[in-house]
Amino acid sequence: ELENELTAKSKTLDELKQSLASNGSAEQTPEAQSLRIAELCEMKDSIVNQVAQLKASMESILEQWRAYDEIYAEVNLMTTRYLYCIDQCKPSEEEASLEALKKQVKTLQ
């Protein structure tokens, strides 16, 4: 959106340059008008650079969030598997005998 607005403002600034070049103004001298237009162009260029930096920064942050989401999903899956294994490996209170544990190990294998 900022880039679109800057493009529109650049067009407006260009139209202003053309208008002042052809018509002039009784309020300001041509030199003052040229100076003001140059200042506006510098400000626009500065804003364009800032928007470009912001865009690059936002793309970097977005990429970092994607990596975070992938790693989070992987850790979440590993945690779920771990909890399942812990749950399966717990001997029930009634099956604390050695024979029951051997049977459970065989089943898990």
Protein backbone atom coordinates (compact mmCIF):
# COMPACT_ATOMS: atom_id res chain seq x y z
CA GLU A 1 0.00 0.00 0.00
CA LEU A 2 2.83 2.36 0.87
CA GLU A 3 4.51 1.67 -2.45
CA ASN A 4 1.27 2.42 -4.31
CA GLU A 5 0.81 5.66 -2.38
CA LEU A 6 4.40 6.66 -3.09
CA THR A 7 3.90 6.00 -6.80
CA ALA A 8 0.79 8.22 -6.76
CA LYS A 9 2.62 10.97 -4.87
CA SER A 10 5.53 10.75 -7.32
CA LYS A 11 3.12 11.29 -10.21
CA THR A 12 1.59 14.25 -8.38
CA LEU A 13 5.04 15.69 -7.78
CA ASP A 14 5.93 15.28 -11.46
CA GLU A 15 2.69 17.03 -12.45
CA LEU A 16 3.54 19.84 -10.03
CA LYS A 17 6.99 20.21 -11.60
CA GLN A 18 5.47 20.44 -15.07
CA SER A 19 2.78 22.84 -13.95
CA LEU A 20 5.23 25.17 -12.25
CA ALA A 21 7.62 24.99 -15.17
CA SER A 22 4.95 26.04 -17.62
CA ASN A 23 2.88 28.44 -15.53
CA GLY A 24 5.15 29.80 -12.84
CA SER A 25 3.84 31.43 -9.71
CA ALA A 26 3.52 35.05 -8.68
CA GLU A 27 4.03 34.17 -5.03
CA GLN A 28 7.50 32.61 -5.35
CA THR A 29 10.48 33.12 -7.58
CA PRO A 30 11.34 30.32 -10.00
CA GLU A 31 14.50 29.64 -7.96
CA ALA A 32 12.48 29.22 -4.75
CA GLN A 33 10.05 26.93 -6.54
CA SER A 34 12.90 24.83 -7.91
CA LEU A 35 14.44 24.60 -4.45
CA ARG A 36 11.14 23.51 -2.89
CA ILE A 37 10.56 20.92 -5.62
CA ALA A 38 14.09 19.58 -5.11
CA GLU A 39 13.42 19.29 -1.37
CA LEU A 40 10.20 17.41 -2.04
CA CYS A 41 12.02 15.05 -4.42
CA GLU A 42 14.69 14.37 -1.79
CA MET A 43 12.01 13.67 0.82
CA LYS A 44 10.22 11.33 -1.58
CA ASP A 45 13.46 9.48 -2.37
CA SER A 46 14.21 9.13 1.33
CA ILE A 47 10.75 7.69 1.97
CA VAL A 48 11.12 5.30 -0.98
CA ASN A 49 14.41 4.06 0.53
CA GLN A 50 12.84 3.66 3.96
CA VAL A 51 9.94 1.68 2.49
CA ALA A 52 12.39 -0.57 0.64
CA GLN A 53 14.30 -1.20 3.87
CA LEU A 54 11.07 -1.87 5.73
CA LYS A 55 9.96 -4.31 3.04
CA ALA A 56 13.27 -6.20 3.21
CA SER A 57 13.07 -6.31 6.99
CA MET A 58 9.48 -7.57 6.92
CA GLU A 59 10.39 -10.29 4.40
CA SER A 60 13.23 -11.41 6.67
CA ILE A 61 10.91 -11.50 9.68
CA LEU A 62 8.31 -13.44 7.69
CA GLU A 63 10.94 -16.01 6.69
CA GLN A 64 11.99 -16.37 10.34
CA TRP A 65 8.37 -16.95 11.37
CA ARG A 66 8.02 -19.63 8.68
CA ALA A 67 11.11 -21.38 10.03
CA TYR A 68 9.72 -21.08 13.56
CA ASP A 69 6.40 -22.60 12.49
CA GLU A 70 8.15 -25.54 10.83
CA ILE A 71 10.36 -26.21 13.85
CA TYR A 72 7.41 -25.79 16.22
CA ALA A 73 5.38 -28.36 14.28
CA GLU A 74 8.32 -30.78 14.35
CA VAL A 75 8.85 -30.32 18.11
CA ASN A 76 5.13 -30.68 18.72
CA LEU A 77 5.07 -33.97 16.79
CA MET A 78 8.12 -35.25 18.66
CA THR A 79 6.52 -34.31 21.99
CA THR A 80 3.34 -36.12 21.07
CA ARG A 81 5.32 -39.23 20.11
CA TYR A 82 7.32 -39.03 23.32
CA LEU A 83 4.17 -38.74 25.44
CA TYR A 84 2.63 -41.68 23.60
CA CYS A 85 5.75 -43.80 24.21
CA ILE A 86 5.83 -42.82 27.88
CA ASP A 87 2.17 -43.73 28.20
CA GLN A 88 2.70 -47.09 26.46
CA CYS A 89 5.80 -47.94 28.49
CA LYS A 90 4.23 -47.28 31.87
CA PRO A 91 3.39 -50.55 33.54
CA SER A 92 -0.12 -50.59 34.84
CA GLU A 93 -0.47 -51.04 38.57
CA GLU A 94 -1.96 -54.48 38.19
CA GLU A 95 0.72 -55.65 35.73
CA ALA A 96 3.84 -55.02 37.78
CA SER A 97 5.09 -58.57 37.44
CA LEU A 98 8.25 -59.39 35.49
CA GLU A 99 6.28 -61.58 33.11
CA ALA A 100 3.82 -58.78 32.32
CA LEU A 101 6.70 -56.36 31.65
CA LYS A 102 8.38 -58.86 29.29
CA LYS A 103 5.12 -59.26 27.43
CA GLN A 104 4.74 -55.48 27.12
CA VAL A 105 8.33 -55.12 25.79
CA LYS A 106 7.63 -57.82 23.23
CA THR A 107 4.44 -56.03 22.16
CA LEU A 108 6.26 -52.72 21.79
CA GLN A 109 9.03 -54.30 19.73
